[in-house]
C-alpha atoms as a PDB file:
ATOM      1  CA  MET A   1      75.443  86.652 132.528  1.00  0.00           C
ATOM      2  CA  SER A   2      71.993  87.361 131.784  1.00  0.00           C
ATOM      3  CA  SER A   3      70.260  86.120 128.224  1.00  0.00           C
ATOM      4  CA  GLU A   4      70.149  89.658 126.852  1.00  0.00           C
ATOM      5  CA  VAL A   5      73.870  89.838 127.336  1.00  0.00           C
ATOM      6  CA  ARG A   6      74.104  86.482 125.462  1.00  0.00           C
ATOM      7  CA  VAL A   7      71.947  87.240 123.046  1.00  0.00           C
ATOM      8  CA  GLY A   8      73.815  90.873 122.046  1.00  0.00           C
ATOM      9  CA  LEU A   9      77.191  89.471 122.330  1.00  0.00           C
ATOM     10  CA  VAL A  10      76.169  86.473 119.800  1.00  0.00           C
ATOM     11  CA  TRP A  11      74.898  89.552 117.285  1.00  0.00           C
ATOM     12  CA  ARG A  12      77.929  91.001 117.739  1.00  0.00           C
ATOM     13  CA  PHE A  13      80.508  88.100 117.008  1.00  0.00           C
ATOM     14  CA  ALA A  14      78.144  87.141 114.269  1.00  0.00           C
ATOM     15  CA  PHE A  15      78.298  90.637 112.844  1.00  0.00           C
ATOM     16  CA  GLY A  16      82.198  90.862 113.023  1.00  0.00           C
ATOM     17  CA  VAL A  17      82.253  87.618 111.612  1.00  0.00           C
ATOM     18  CA  GLY A  18      79.746  88.818 108.634  1.00  0.00           C
ATOM     19  CA  ALA A  19      82.206  91.918 108.141  1.00  0.00           C
ATOM     20  CA  ILE A  20      85.065  90.191 107.837  1.00  0.00           C
ATOM     21  CA  ALA A  21      83.716  87.645 105.619  1.00  0.00           C
ATOM     22  CA  ALA A  22      81.629  90.110 103.457  1.00  0.00           C
ATOM     23  CA  PRO A  23      84.802  91.048 101.345  1.00  0.00           C
ATOM     24  CA  VAL A  24      85.058  87.555 100.285  1.00  0.00           C
ATOM     25  CA  LEU A  25      81.734  87.028  99.619  1.00  0.00           C
ATOM     26  CA  ALA A  26      81.845  89.683  97.278  1.00  0.00           C
ATOM     27  CA  TYR A  27      84.488  88.420  95.107  1.00  0.00           C
ATOM     28  CA  ALA A  28      83.234  84.827  94.817  1.00  0.00           C
ATOM     29  CA  VAL A  29      79.462  85.870  94.164  1.00  0.00           C
ATOM     30  CA  THR A  30      80.851  88.390  91.677  1.00  0.00           C
ATOM     31  CA  ALA A  31      83.587  86.193  90.523  1.00  0.00           C
ATOM     32  CA  LEU A  32      80.665  83.460  89.997  1.00  0.00           C
ATOM     33  CA  LEU A  33      78.285  86.003  88.256  1.00  0.00           C
ATOM     34  CA  VAL A  34      80.639  87.670  85.617  1.00  0.00           C
ATOM     35  CA  ASP A  35      81.366  85.960  82.065  1.00  0.00           C
ATOM     36  CA  GLY A  36      82.279  87.212  78.935  1.00  0.00           C
ATOM     37  CA  HIS A  37      85.464  89.240  78.032  1.00  0.00           C
ATOM     38  CA  ALA A  38      86.615  92.642  78.542  1.00  0.00           C
ATOM     39  CA  LYS A  39      88.345  95.571  76.312  1.00  0.00           C
ATOM     40  CA  LYS A  40      92.039  97.007  77.297  1.00  0.00           C
ATOM     41  CA  GLU A  41      90.205  99.943  78.297  1.00  0.00           C
ATOM     42  CA  TYR A  42      88.396  98.308  81.432  1.00  0.00           C
ATOM     43  CA  PHE A  43      91.740  97.093  82.720  1.00  0.00           C
ATOM     44  CA  GLU A  44      93.166 100.261  82.212  1.00  0.00           C
ATOM     45  CA  ALA A  45      90.323 101.377  84.930  1.00  0.00           C
ATOM     46  CA  VAL A  46      90.671  98.860  87.175  1.00  0.00           C
ATOM     47  CA  SER A  47      94.217  98.758  87.210  1.00  0.00           C
ATOM     48  CA  GLN A  48      93.939 102.605  88.761  1.00  0.00           C
ATOM     49  CA  ILE A  49      90.975 102.075  90.647  1.00  0.00           C
ATOM     50  CA  LEU A  50      92.231  99.556  93.051  1.00  0.00           C
ATOM     51  CA  PRO A  51      95.102 100.953  94.283  1.00  0.00           C
ATOM     52  CA  VAL A  52      93.061 104.026  95.132  1.00  0.00           C
ATOM     53  CA  LEU A  53      90.585 101.598  96.822  1.00  0.00           C
ATOM     54  CA  LEU A  54      93.622 100.434  98.600  1.00  0.00           C
ATOM     55  CA  LEU A  55      94.586 103.715  99.860  1.00  0.00           C
ATOM     56  CA  ALA A  56      90.793 104.753 101.209  1.00  0.00           C
ATOM     57  CA  LEU A  57      91.223 101.585 103.207  1.00  0.00           C
ATOM     58  CA  ALA A  58      94.207 102.227 104.409  1.00  0.00           C
ATOM     59  CA  ILE A  59      93.183 105.842 105.334  1.00  0.00           C
ATOM     60  CA  GLU A  60      89.695 105.061 106.742  1.00  0.00           C
ATOM     61  CA  GLN A  61      90.850 102.268 108.916  1.00  0.00           C
ATOM     62  CA  ARG A  62      95.121 103.334 109.410  1.00  0.00           C
ATOM     63  CA  TYR A  63      96.435 100.008 108.341  1.00  0.00           C
ATOM     64  CA  PHE A  64      99.925 101.451 108.225  1.00  0.00           C
ATOM     65  CA  THR A  65     100.164 103.518 111.597  1.00  0.00           C
ATOM     66  CA  ARG A  66     100.188 103.322 115.477  1.00  0.00           C
ATOM     67  CA  ALA A  67      96.763 104.599 116.091  1.00  0.00           C
ATOM     68  CA  GLY A  68      95.356 101.714 113.297  1.00  0.00           C
ATOM     69  CA  ARG A  69      96.422  99.359 116.028  1.00  0.00           C
ATOM     70  CA  GLU A  70      93.527  99.394 117.993  1.00  0.00           C
ATOM     71  CA  ARG A  71      92.812  97.981 121.232  1.00  0.00           C
ATOM     72  CA  ALA A  72      89.519  96.020 121.885  1.00  0.00           C
ATOM     73  CA  PRO A  73      86.977  98.082 123.166  1.00  0.00           C
ATOM     74  CA  GLU A  74      86.490  97.931 127.176  1.00  0.00           C
ATOM     75  CA  SER A  75      83.810  95.811 128.207  1.00  0.00           C
ATOM     76  CA  PRO A  76      82.550  95.607 131.937  1.00  0.00           C
ATOM     77  CA  LEU A  77      81.043  91.775 131.455  1.00  0.00           C
ATOM     78  CA  GLN A  78      83.059  89.195 132.662  1.00  0.00           C
ATOM     79  CA  LEU A  79      83.391  86.597 129.618  1.00  0.00           C
ATOM     80  CA  GLU A  80      84.273  83.097 130.191  1.00  0.00           C
ATOM     81  CA  LEU A  81      85.189  81.036 127.096  1.00  0.00           C
ATOM     82  CA  ALA A  82      85.367  77.128 128.107  1.00  0.00           C
ATOM     83  CA  GLY A  83      85.811  77.694 131.418  1.00  0.00           C
ATOM     84  CA  ARG A  84      88.608  80.572 131.254  1.00  0.00           C
ATOM     85  CA  ARG A  85      87.976  84.167 132.307  1.00  0.00           C
ATOM     86  CA  LEU A  86      89.162  86.345 129.200  1.00  0.00           C
ATOM     87  CA  ASP A  87      89.975  89.681 130.496  1.00  0.00           C
ATOM     88  CA  ASN A  88      90.399  92.554 128.346  1.00  0.00           C
ATOM     89  CA  ARG A  89      94.430  91.965 127.547  1.00  0.00           C
ATOM     90  CA  THR A  90      93.227  88.416 125.848  1.00  0.00           C
ATOM     91  CA  MET A  91      90.127  90.151 123.879  1.00  0.00           C
ATOM     92  CA  ALA A  92      92.378  92.919 123.057  1.00  0.00           C
ATOM     93  CA  ARG A  93      95.034  90.286 121.004  1.00  0.00           C
ATOM     94  CA  TRP A  94      91.808  88.188 119.594  1.00  0.00           C
ATOM     95  CA  TYR A  95      90.512  91.689 118.692  1.00  0.00           C
ATOM     96  CA  THR A  96      93.858  92.775 116.992  1.00  0.00           C
ATOM     97  CA  LEU A  97      94.736  89.490 115.713  1.00  0.00           C
ATOM     98  CA  ALA A  98      91.436  89.868 113.753  1.00  0.00           C
ATOM     99  CA  ALA A  99      92.093  93.393 112.850  1.00  0.00           C
ATOM    100  CA  ARG A 100      95.053  92.422 110.842  1.00  0.00           C
ATOM    101  CA  VAL A 101      93.455  89.099 109.484  1.00  0.00           C
ATOM    102  CA  TYR A 102      90.695  91.265 107.710  1.00  0.00           C
ATOM    103  CA  ALA A 103      93.314  93.844 106.614  1.00  0.00           C
ATOM    104  CA  LEU A 104      95.415  91.149 105.026  1.00  0.00           C
ATOM    105  CA  VAL A 105      92.275  89.321 103.340  1.00  0.00           C
ATOM    106  CA  VAL A 106      91.576  93.049 102.003  1.00  0.00           C
ATOM    107  CA  LEU A 107      95.003  93.606 100.686  1.00  0.00           C
ATOM    108  CA  PHE A 108      95.396  90.079  99.068  1.00  0.00           C
ATOM    109  CA  LEU A 109      92.146  90.348  96.752  1.00  0.00           C
ATOM    110  CA  LEU A 110      93.128  94.380  95.949  1.00  0.00           C
ATOM    111  CA  GLY A 111      96.669  92.967  94.839  1.00  0.00           C
ATOM    112  CA  PHE A 112      95.008  89.998  92.951  1.00  0.00           C
ATOM    113  CA  GLY A 113      93.274  92.209  90.913  1.00  0.00           C
ATOM    114  CA  GLU A 114      95.704  94.892  90.686  1.00  0.00           C
ATOM    115  CA  TRP A 115      98.027  92.039  89.140  1.00  0.00           C
ATOM    116  CA  ILE A 116      96.121  90.524  87.201  1.00  0.00           C
ATOM    117  CA  ALA A 117      94.992  93.861  85.233  1.00  0.00           C
ATOM    118  CA  VAL A 118      98.826  95.027  84.927  1.00  0.00           C
ATOM    119  CA  GLU A 119      98.948  91.794  83.831  1.00  0.00           C
ATOM    120  CA  VAL A 120      96.752  91.840  81.015  1.00  0.00           C
ATOM    121  CA  LEU A 121      98.177  95.335  80.300  1.00  0.00           C
ATOM    122  CA  ALA A 122     101.388  94.074  79.625  1.00  0.00           C
ATOM    123  CA  THR A 123     100.690  90.982  77.190  1.00  0.00           C
ATOM    124  CA  GLY A 124      97.460  92.586  75.662  1.00  0.00           C
ATOM    125  CA  SER A 125      95.385  89.401  75.935  1.00  0.00           C
ATOM    126  CA  SER A 126      92.862  88.665  78.281  1.00  0.00           C
ATOM    127  CA  SER A 127      90.464  86.003  79.507  1.00  0.00           C
ATOM    128  CA  THR A 128      87.118  85.174  81.064  1.00  0.00           C
ATOM    129  CA  ALA A 129      89.272  84.589  84.445  1.00  0.00           C
ATOM    130  CA  ASP A 130      91.026  87.712  84.266  1.00  0.00           C
ATOM    131  CA  LEU A 131      87.828  89.446  83.836  1.00  0.00           C
ATOM    132  CA  LYS A 132      86.323  87.445  86.597  1.00  0.00           C
ATOM    133  CA  ASN A 133      89.003  87.766  88.843  1.00  0.00           C
ATOM    134  CA  THR A 134      89.046  91.727  88.080  1.00  0.00           C
ATOM    135  CA  ALA A 135      85.555  91.699  88.850  1.00  0.00           C
ATOM    136  CA  GLY A 136      85.642  90.146  92.240  1.00  0.00           C
ATOM    137  CA  SER A 137      88.773  92.252  93.444  1.00  0.00           C
ATOM    138  CA  LEU A 138      86.172  95.357  92.350  1.00  0.00           C
ATOM    139  CA  ALA A 139      83.693  94.020  94.401  1.00  0.00           C
ATOM    140  CA  ALA A 140      85.578  92.962  97.326  1.00  0.00           C
ATOM    141  CA  GLY A 141      87.421  96.649  97.776  1.00  0.00           C
ATOM    142  CA  PHE A 142      84.200  98.312  97.628  1.00  0.00           C
ATOM    143  CA  THR A 143      82.403  96.024 100.129  1.00  0.00           C
ATOM    144  CA  ALA A 144      84.917  96.434 102.502  1.00  0.00           C
ATOM    145  CA  LEU A 145      84.956 100.080 101.876  1.00  0.00           C
ATOM    146  CA  ILE A 146      81.568  99.947 102.821  1.00  0.00           C
ATOM    147  CA  VAL A 147      82.147  97.966 105.527  1.00  0.00           C
ATOM    148  CA  SER A 148      84.355  99.886 107.046  1.00  0.00           C
ATOM    149  CA  ALA A 149      81.974 102.893 106.989  1.00  0.00           C
ATOM    150  CA  VAL A 150      79.134 100.953 108.442  1.00  0.00           C
ATOM    151  CA  VAL A 151      81.124  99.903 111.297  1.00  0.00           C
ATOM    152  CA  GLY A 152      83.027 102.733 111.402  1.00  0.00           C
ATOM    153  CA  ARG A 153      85.379 103.981 114.463  1.00  0.00           C
ATOM    154  CA  ASN A 154      84.177 103.815 118.239  1.00  0.00           C
ATOM    155  CA  ARG A 155      86.882 106.641 119.270  1.00  0.00           C
ATOM    156  CA  PRO A 156      87.026 110.060 119.013  1.00  0.00           C
ATOM    157  CA  PRO A 157      89.384 111.327 116.163  1.00  0.00           C
ATOM    158  CA  THR A 158      93.165 112.160 117.084  1.00  0.00           C
ATOM    159  CA  ASP A 159      95.679 114.347 115.528  1.00  0.00           C
ATOM    160  CA  ASP A 160      98.644 111.783 114.521  1.00  0.00           C
ATOM    161  CA  TRP A 161      99.081 113.651 111.540  1.00  0.00           C
END
């Protein structure tokens, strides 16, 4: 394998890890930077925005359809890891696992923020931690949507509907 191909693979790997870590990083940074208290209207808005973000991501990435269980892109390269050759089937398993982990992390972050927003609306009292967590969930959701739009899908559209 040439050095150009290796550099390309390293950059693709780094970009992939960055794409998976971006929503978590956005959540953490936002939760650290936000301070204060929010009124009931903020939590009402958040409780409506987070499900819309989840639906947008589910439609964009096709989380809940058979077509959403993507196959790894075929690679003409003969990749080896720890002296073992990686075939397309092995790469597809890793690709599918990474996509599922990404979907679960984003789902957890959005669900956590939604749960906190609804809890605040039900109890009528909020704290700084509630504001930090809901703002972090919003940041994670929008970051995941941006990553989804930037990365996109490298396959032609299908008529699954």
